[in-house]
Amino acid sequence: MKAKKDIGLAIVGSGRIGTLRGRLAAMHPSVRFIGVMDTDEAAAQKLARTIDASFCTTDMEALVSHPEVNAIIVSSAEGEHTAPVLAGLRRQVPVLVEKPIALTVPEADLMLRTVAELGGDLRVGYSRRYKTRYLLAKEQLKQGRLGTITGACARLYNSRAQCLAMLGRNPHATPVVDALTYYVDLMGWLLEGNPVTEVFARGQKGVIQAAGHDVDDVTWAVLTCRDGAVVNLGVSYALPEKWPSVGHSARVELLGTDGVLLVNDDHTDQIMHTNAGFPHVYLPGQKVETVFLESSTPGDWALGDFLGPIADETRAWLDYLSTGKPCNLATPADARHTLAVTLAIEESARTGRSVAVAHG
């Protein structure tokens, strides 16, 4: 039996995901200390009360430098990842940062250089890797049951209501940057060792632009991998407001020389209609009468426990820290390439030209 290491956890960012990971961490047997931070003092205090945190502050440096802290979760806004990640790496403690690793490639490169210089331990939360159906897909690829992958595709849909709420919080959080990036990472993980070298994309505007945001309703991209394999990715966050999914409605397909794997992730196998209304995980105050159960992207609370990708990912990272058990969370290099490909999709759709993607 390996000796278990006690964890003193800092949570930088006390919003929805920081709160969720904090609640999960508070239930983990190896977590002995939790400190929380947010520039919004009320948010930090609310999370501290929720999980009975030992320390609460609005000062990121005060939290990261706390003597009890030996691991950090960075769940601040996408444009605010760099400073706390670098602070954690300089303290030489493991860091888990939410996706994307940063909003620009130079910021990501700075993190990678710091990891290389200090021997840091940085992981990035792309939670599709911890959805059971995609873990099973990865296993089939590792076992060679599909042969060489020659083509793949993935698409996801969501409602315009969620898109407008997302853009209202952060105008840079387009459906490509906020959501399709999960499937850029997923394909990179499934096709490991065969990075994307070129991107060609097209988009079309409509209801999102009419609502005041210069953002495409739908974006489709063709990615070319180093060995010539082609991957088609598509996203639309412009479905009707009461679309029954409360998260991603997705399909993933892998085409190989020896087999094909089709993954239905729409959740149309669990449909509920209720006059009482079902609360939307991302839209406080909105309820839908018809819902695809289990379509909440992070997962669901059931009988006092949280089930799903974020739960499994958080627990896997904490297990990795406490026992050394290997985990599948994205590495900084994975996340940097995912960011480069994601930004290339937006650039290609904007300019109408193909975009080359350098690897590494």
Protein backbone atom coordinates (compact mmCIF):
# COMPACT_ATOMS: atom_id res chain seq x y z
CA MET A 1 0.00 0.00 0.00
CA LYS A 2 1.31 3.45 -0.91
CA ALA A 3 1.37 6.01 1.88
CA LYS A 4 -1.31 8.61 1.38
CA LYS A 5 -0.37 12.28 1.30
CA ASP A 6 -2.57 14.79 3.05
CA ILE A 7 -3.74 17.65 0.82
CA GLY A 8 -3.96 21.31 1.74
CA LEU A 9 -5.98 22.79 -1.11
CA ALA A 10 -6.24 26.37 -2.34
CA ILE A 11 -9.19 27.24 -4.59
CA VAL A 12 -8.62 30.43 -6.60
CA GLY A 13 -12.01 31.51 -7.93
CA SER A 14 -15.23 30.85 -6.02
CA GLY A 15 -17.73 30.80 -8.88
CA ARG A 16 -19.80 27.89 -10.14
CA ILE A 17 -16.97 25.49 -11.00
CA GLY A 18 -14.78 26.54 -8.07
CA THR A 19 -17.72 25.85 -5.79
CA LEU A 20 -18.40 22.48 -7.36
CA ARG A 21 -14.78 21.36 -7.14
CA GLY A 22 -14.61 22.72 -3.59
CA ARG A 23 -17.63 20.68 -2.52
CA LEU A 24 -16.12 17.57 -4.10
CA ALA A 25 -12.74 18.20 -2.48
CA ALA A 26 -14.36 18.66 0.92
CA MET A 27 -15.65 15.07 0.64
CA HIS A 28 -12.24 13.60 -0.29
CA PRO A 29 -10.56 11.71 2.58
CA SER A 30 -7.08 13.09 1.86
CA VAL A 31 -8.08 16.78 1.90
CA ARG A 32 -7.28 18.17 5.37
CA PHE A 33 -7.29 21.91 4.63
CA ILE A 34 -9.15 24.10 2.13
CA GLY A 35 -8.58 27.80 1.58
CA VAL A 36 -10.72 29.81 -0.85
CA MET A 37 -10.23 33.09 -2.66
CA ASP A 38 -12.19 35.38 -4.94
CA THR A 39 -11.93 39.08 -5.77
CA ASP A 40 -15.65 39.14 -4.97
CA GLU A 41 -15.54 38.89 -1.18
CA ALA A 42 -19.17 37.77 -0.93
CA ALA A 43 -18.53 34.87 -3.34
CA ALA A 44 -15.46 33.76 -1.39
CA GLN A 45 -17.32 33.91 1.91
CA LYS A 46 -20.26 32.00 0.49
CA LEU A 47 -18.02 29.17 -0.71
CA ALA A 48 -16.10 29.18 2.59
CA ARG A 49 -19.37 28.70 4.49
CA THR A 50 -20.59 26.04 2.07
CA ILE A 51 -17.53 23.81 2.49
CA ASP A 52 -16.42 24.94 5.96
CA ALA A 53 -13.13 26.25 4.57
CA SER A 54 -10.27 26.95 6.97
CA PHE A 55 -9.16 30.17 5.24
CA CYS A 56 -10.93 32.79 3.13
CA THR A 57 -9.46 35.85 1.41
CA THR A 58 -9.67 38.20 -1.55
CA ASP A 59 -5.85 38.16 -1.87
CA MET A 60 -4.58 35.51 -4.27
CA GLU A 61 -0.97 35.72 -3.08
CA ALA A 62 -2.06 35.34 0.55
CA LEU A 63 -3.88 32.12 -0.30
CA VAL A 64 -1.25 30.60 -2.58
CA SER A 65 1.52 31.32 -0.05
CA HIS A 66 -0.43 29.93 2.93
CA PRO A 67 1.79 27.40 4.75
CA GLU A 68 -0.92 24.70 4.72
CA VAL A 69 -1.35 24.84 0.93
CA ASN A 70 0.32 22.09 -1.11
CA ALA A 71 -2.07 21.99 -4.11
CA ILE A 72 -4.03 24.61 -6.04
CA ILE A 73 -7.17 24.66 -8.18
CA VAL A 74 -7.42 27.71 -10.45
CA SER A 75 -11.08 28.25 -11.33
CA SER A 76 -11.01 31.99 -11.97
CA ALA A 77 -12.28 33.57 -15.20
CA GLU A 78 -10.55 32.39 -18.39
CA GLY A 79 -8.51 35.57 -18.76
CA GLU A 80 -7.27 35.38 -15.18
CA HIS A 81 -5.51 32.03 -15.15
CA THR A 82 -1.92 33.06 -15.74
CA ALA A 83 -1.01 34.81 -12.47
CA PRO A 84 -2.30 32.14 -10.04
CA VAL A 85 -0.93 29.29 -12.19
CA LEU A 86 2.53 30.88 -12.23
CA ALA A 87 2.33 31.62 -8.51
CA GLY A 88 1.55 27.96 -7.80
CA LEU A 89 4.29 26.67 -10.09
CA ARG A 90 6.83 28.98 -8.44
CA ARG A 91 5.83 27.54 -5.09
CA GLN A 92 6.39 24.13 -6.72
CA VAL A 93 2.98 22.76 -5.77
CA PRO A 94 0.67 20.87 -8.17
CA VAL A 95 -1.88 23.01 -10.00
CA LEU A 96 -5.17 22.13 -11.71
CA VAL A 97 -6.43 24.94 -13.95
CA GLU A 98 -9.78 25.02 -15.72
CA LYS A 99 -9.86 24.97 -19.49
CA PRO A 100 -8.65 26.75 -21.53
CA ILE A 101 -5.15 26.96 -20.11
CA ALA A 102 -5.14 30.63 -21.22
CA LEU A 103 -6.76 32.86 -23.82
CA THR A 104 -3.56 33.39 -25.86
CA VAL A 105 -0.79 31.07 -27.02
CA PRO A 106 1.98 33.32 -25.59
CA GLU A 107 0.40 33.04 -22.12
CA ALA A 108 0.25 29.26 -22.51
CA ASP A 109 3.87 29.20 -23.65
CA LEU A 110 4.88 31.15 -20.55
CA MET A 111 3.25 28.50 -18.38
CA LEU A 112 4.97 25.69 -20.31
CA ARG A 113 8.37 27.37 -19.93
CA THR A 114 7.79 27.77 -16.20
CA VAL A 115 6.83 24.10 -15.89
CA ALA A 116 10.00 23.11 -17.78
CA GLU A 117 12.26 25.41 -15.75
CA LEU A 118 10.89 24.47 -12.32
CA GLY A 119 9.79 20.89 -12.93
CA GLY A 120 6.21 21.86 -12.11
CA ASP A 121 3.08 19.71 -12.08
CA LEU A 122 0.28 21.39 -14.05
CA ARG A 123 -2.91 19.75 -15.32
CA VAL A 124 -5.82 21.26 -17.26
CA GLY A 125 -9.48 20.38 -16.74
CA TYR A 126 -10.96 19.11 -20.00
CA SER A 127 -13.68 17.02 -18.41
CA ARG A 128 -14.80 15.11 -21.55
CA ARG A 129 -11.82 12.84 -20.81
CA TYR A 130 -13.68 11.66 -17.72
CA LYS A 131 -17.00 10.85 -19.34
CA THR A 132 -17.39 7.06 -19.28
CA ARG A 133 -18.29 6.65 -22.94
CA TYR A 134 -15.14 8.51 -24.04
CA LEU A 135 -12.93 6.58 -21.64
CA LEU A 136 -14.30 3.41 -23.23
CA ALA A 137 -13.56 4.84 -26.69
CA LYS A 138 -9.97 5.57 -25.64
CA GLU A 139 -9.59 1.99 -24.42
CA GLN A 140 -10.67 0.59 -27.81
CA LEU A 141 -8.07 2.76 -29.52
CA LYS A 142 -5.36 1.68 -27.07
CA GLN A 143 -6.26 -1.95 -27.78
CA GLY A 144 -5.93 -1.33 -31.53
CA ARG A 145 -9.47 -2.48 -32.30
CA LEU A 146 -10.12 0.31 -34.82
CA GLY A 147 -6.77 0.12 -36.58
CA THR A 148 -5.39 3.40 -37.91
CA ILE A 149 -7.83 6.29 -37.61
CA THR A 150 -8.36 7.89 -41.02
CA GLY A 151 -11.26 10.18 -40.13
CA ALA A 152 -13.30 11.39 -37.21
CA CYS A 153 -16.06 13.86 -36.44
CA ALA A 154 -17.76 15.45 -33.50
CA ARG A 155 -20.56 17.96 -33.20
CA LEU A 156 -22.33 19.55 -30.28
CA TYR A 157 -25.50 21.59 -29.93
CA ASN A 158 -26.85 23.88 -27.24
CA SER A 159 -29.51 26.54 -26.84
CA ARG A 160 -29.28 30.22 -27.73
CA ALA A 161 -30.33 31.03 -24.15
CA GLN A 162 -27.12 29.49 -22.82
CA CYS A 163 -25.04 31.15 -25.54
CA LEU A 164 -26.39 34.61 -24.71
CA ALA A 165 -25.86 34.08 -20.97
CA MET A 166 -22.31 32.89 -21.65
CA LEU A 167 -21.50 35.88 -23.84
CA GLY A 168 -23.09 38.21 -21.32
CA ARG A 169 -20.62 37.02 -18.68
CA ASN A 170 -17.64 36.99 -21.03
CA PRO A 171 -17.76 38.33 -24.61
CA HIS A 172 -14.73 36.19 -25.51
CA ALA A 173 -16.49 32.96 -24.47
CA THR A 174 -17.78 32.10 -27.93
CA PRO A 175 -19.22 28.63 -28.59
CA VAL A 176 -15.90 27.69 -30.23
CA VAL A 177 -13.68 28.91 -27.38
CA ASP A 178 -15.99 27.86 -24.56
CA ALA A 179 -17.42 24.57 -25.82
CA LEU A 180 -16.01 23.22 -29.08
CA THR A 181 -12.56 23.35 -27.45
CA TYR A 182 -13.62 20.35 -25.32
CA TYR A 183 -13.90 18.30 -28.50
CA VAL A 184 -10.66 19.67 -29.92
CA ASP A 185 -9.03 18.30 -26.78
CA LEU A 186 -11.04 15.07 -26.93
CA MET A 187 -9.95 14.38 -30.50
CA GLY A 188 -6.36 15.24 -29.63
CA TRP A 189 -6.50 12.75 -26.77
CA LEU A 190 -8.19 10.01 -28.80
CA LEU A 191 -5.79 10.54 -31.74
CA GLU A 192 -2.79 10.89 -29.43
CA GLY A 193 0.51 11.31 -31.26
CA ASN A 194 -1.15 12.61 -34.43
CA PRO A 195 -1.51 16.38 -33.91
CA VAL A 196 -3.52 18.78 -36.05
CA THR A 197 -1.38 20.67 -38.58
CA GLU A 198 -4.01 22.62 -40.55
CA VAL A 199 -7.47 24.06 -39.92
CA PHE A 200 -10.15 25.20 -42.35
CA ALA A 201 -13.43 26.55 -40.94
CA ARG A 202 -16.61 28.32 -41.96
CA GLY A 203 -19.28 30.01 -39.85
CA GLN A 204 -22.67 31.61 -40.35
CA LYS A 205 -24.31 34.35 -38.30
CA GLY A 206 -27.99 34.74 -37.40
CA VAL A 207 -29.86 34.92 -34.11
CA ILE A 208 -26.80 35.49 -31.89
CA GLN A 209 -25.73 38.46 -33.99
CA ALA A 210 -29.29 39.81 -33.93
CA ALA A 211 -29.13 39.69 -30.13
CA GLY A 212 -26.11 41.99 -30.15
CA HIS A 213 -23.08 39.68 -30.36
CA ASP A 214 -20.97 39.39 -33.50
CA VAL A 215 -20.73 35.62 -33.09
CA ASP A 216 -21.57 32.77 -35.45
CA ASP A 217 -24.68 30.68 -34.85
CA VAL A 218 -22.89 27.69 -36.34
CA THR A 219 -19.24 26.90 -37.03
CA TRP A 220 -17.90 23.89 -38.91
CA ALA A 221 -14.20 23.04 -39.20
CA VAL A 222 -12.06 20.47 -41.00
CA LEU A 223 -8.83 19.63 -39.22
CA THR A 224 -5.98 17.84 -40.97
CA CYS A 225 -3.67 15.74 -38.80
CA ARG A 226 0.02 15.10 -39.33
CA ASP A 227 -0.55 11.71 -41.02
CA GLY A 228 -3.37 13.07 -43.22
CA ALA A 229 -6.32 11.94 -41.11
CA VAL A 230 -9.21 14.40 -41.32
CA VAL A 231 -11.44 15.47 -38.43
CA ASN A 232 -14.71 17.38 -38.83
CA LEU A 233 -15.84 19.43 -35.80
CA GLY A 234 -19.03 21.47 -35.57
CA VAL A 235 -20.87 23.55 -33.01
CA SER A 236 -24.16 25.43 -32.83
CA TYR A 237 -25.28 27.31 -29.74
CA ALA A 238 -28.31 28.79 -31.48
CA LEU A 239 -30.96 26.11 -30.96
CA PRO A 240 -34.30 27.30 -29.55
CA GLU A 241 -34.31 28.67 -26.01
CA LYS A 242 -36.08 25.67 -24.51
CA TRP A 243 -33.97 22.99 -26.23
CA PRO A 244 -34.27 19.99 -23.86
CA SER A 245 -30.54 19.63 -23.20
CA VAL A 246 -29.14 21.48 -20.16
CA GLY A 247 -25.57 21.07 -21.42
CA HIS A 248 -23.87 19.52 -24.42
CA SER A 249 -25.80 17.47 -26.97
CA ALA A 250 -22.98 15.70 -28.78
CA ARG A 251 -22.11 12.98 -31.27
CA VAL A 252 -18.62 11.57 -31.81
CA GLU A 253 -17.52 9.18 -34.58
CA LEU A 254 -14.17 7.48 -35.20
CA LEU A 255 -13.42 5.81 -38.54
CA GLY A 256 -10.51 3.38 -38.70
CA THR A 257 -8.95 0.89 -41.05
CA ASP A 258 -10.24 -1.99 -38.91
CA GLY A 259 -13.39 -0.61 -37.36
CA VAL A 260 -15.75 2.24 -36.62
CA LEU A 261 -16.94 3.62 -33.28
CA LEU A 262 -20.08 5.78 -33.01
CA VAL A 263 -20.79 7.56 -29.72
CA ASN A 264 -24.27 9.02 -29.15
CA ASP A 265 -23.90 11.65 -26.41
CA ASP A 266 -27.21 13.44 -27.03
CA HIS A 267 -28.87 11.79 -24.00
CA THR A 268 -32.08 11.28 -25.92
CA ASP A 269 -32.30 7.89 -24.19
CA GLN A 270 -33.43 9.65 -20.97
CA ILE A 271 -36.26 12.11 -21.61
CA MET A 272 -38.43 13.58 -18.88
CA HIS A 273 -41.36 15.98 -19.18
CA THR A 274 -42.50 17.68 -16.00
CA ASN A 275 -45.06 20.41 -15.27
CA ALA A 276 -42.92 21.34 -12.25
CA GLY A 277 -40.00 22.31 -14.49
CA PHE A 278 -36.39 21.12 -14.36
CA PRO A 279 -33.74 23.67 -13.26
CA HIS A 280 -31.16 24.59 -15.90
CA VAL A 281 -27.65 24.04 -14.55
CA TYR A 282 -26.20 27.10 -16.33
CA LEU A 283 -29.18 29.47 -16.29
CA PRO A 284 -30.35 30.41 -12.79
CA GLY A 285 -34.07 30.94 -12.72
CA GLN A 286 -34.79 29.13 -16.00
CA LYS A 287 -36.59 25.83 -16.00
CA VAL A 288 -37.37 23.52 -18.90
CA GLU A 289 -40.41 21.28 -19.01
CA THR A 290 -38.79 18.67 -21.27
CA VAL A 291 -35.23 17.65 -20.44
CA PHE A 292 -32.64 15.12 -21.55
CA LEU A 293 -31.55 13.73 -18.19
CA GLU A 294 -27.77 13.43 -17.68
CA SER A 295 -27.11 16.14 -20.29
CA SER A 296 -25.65 18.55 -17.71
CA THR A 297 -22.07 18.92 -18.92
CA PRO A 298 -20.32 18.77 -15.50
CA GLY A 299 -22.64 16.08 -14.09
CA ASP A 300 -25.57 15.88 -11.68
CA TRP A 301 -26.35 15.78 -7.99
CA ALA A 302 -28.15 12.59 -6.98
CA LEU A 303 -28.97 11.38 -3.47
CA GLY A 304 -26.45 13.71 -1.85
CA ASP A 305 -23.53 12.98 -4.16
CA PHE A 306 -22.30 14.50 -7.40
CA LEU A 307 -21.99 12.13 -10.35
CA GLY A 308 -20.38 12.71 -13.72
CA PRO A 309 -17.27 13.99 -15.51
CA ILE A 310 -16.30 16.88 -13.20
CA ALA A 311 -16.71 14.67 -10.14
CA ASP A 312 -14.63 11.87 -11.61
CA GLU A 313 -12.00 14.29 -12.90
CA THR A 314 -11.68 16.10 -9.56
CA ARG A 315 -11.46 12.87 -7.59
CA ALA A 316 -8.93 11.44 -10.05
CA TRP A 317 -6.69 14.48 -9.62
CA LEU A 318 -6.95 14.35 -5.83
CA ASP A 319 -6.23 10.59 -5.90
CA TYR A 320 -3.21 11.30 -8.11
CA LEU A 321 -1.91 13.84 -5.58
CA SER A 322 -2.56 11.70 -2.52
CA THR A 323 -1.50 8.26 -3.78
CA GLY A 324 0.37 8.76 -7.06
CA LYS A 325 -2.33 6.92 -9.04
CA PRO A 326 -2.00 7.94 -12.73
CA CYS A 327 -4.66 10.29 -14.11
CA ASN A 328 -5.87 11.26 -17.59
CA LEU A 329 -6.06 15.03 -17.11
CA ALA A 330 -4.64 17.09 -19.96
CA THR A 331 -0.98 18.05 -19.74
CA PRO A 332 0.19 21.63 -20.41
CA ALA A 333 1.46 20.57 -23.84
CA ASP A 334 -1.92 18.99 -24.66
CA ALA A 335 -3.74 22.13 -23.54
CA ARG A 336 -1.41 24.47 -25.42
CA HIS A 337 -2.02 22.58 -28.68
CA THR A 338 -5.77 22.48 -28.03
CA LEU A 339 -5.73 26.25 -27.52
CA ALA A 340 -3.76 26.80 -30.74
CA VAL A 341 -6.20 24.65 -32.75
CA THR A 342 -9.24 26.29 -31.13
CA LEU A 343 -7.98 29.78 -31.94
CA ALA A 344 -7.12 28.64 -35.47
CA ILE A 345 -10.76 27.55 -35.96
CA GLU A 346 -11.94 31.03 -35.03
CA GLU A 347 -9.30 32.68 -37.24
CA SER A 348 -10.13 30.51 -40.24
CA ALA A 349 -13.87 31.09 -39.87
CA ARG A 350 -13.24 34.84 -39.59
CA THR A 351 -10.83 35.16 -42.53
CA GLY A 352 -12.05 32.39 -44.84
CA ARG A 353 -8.49 31.05 -45.13
CA SER A 354 -6.90 27.84 -43.91
CA VAL A 355 -4.59 28.21 -40.94
CA ALA A 356 -1.42 26.20 -40.28
CA VAL A 357 -0.92 24.97 -36.71
CA ALA A 358 2.58 24.40 -35.36
CA HIS A 359 2.95 21.59 -32.83
CA GLY A 360 5.01 22.14 -29.69
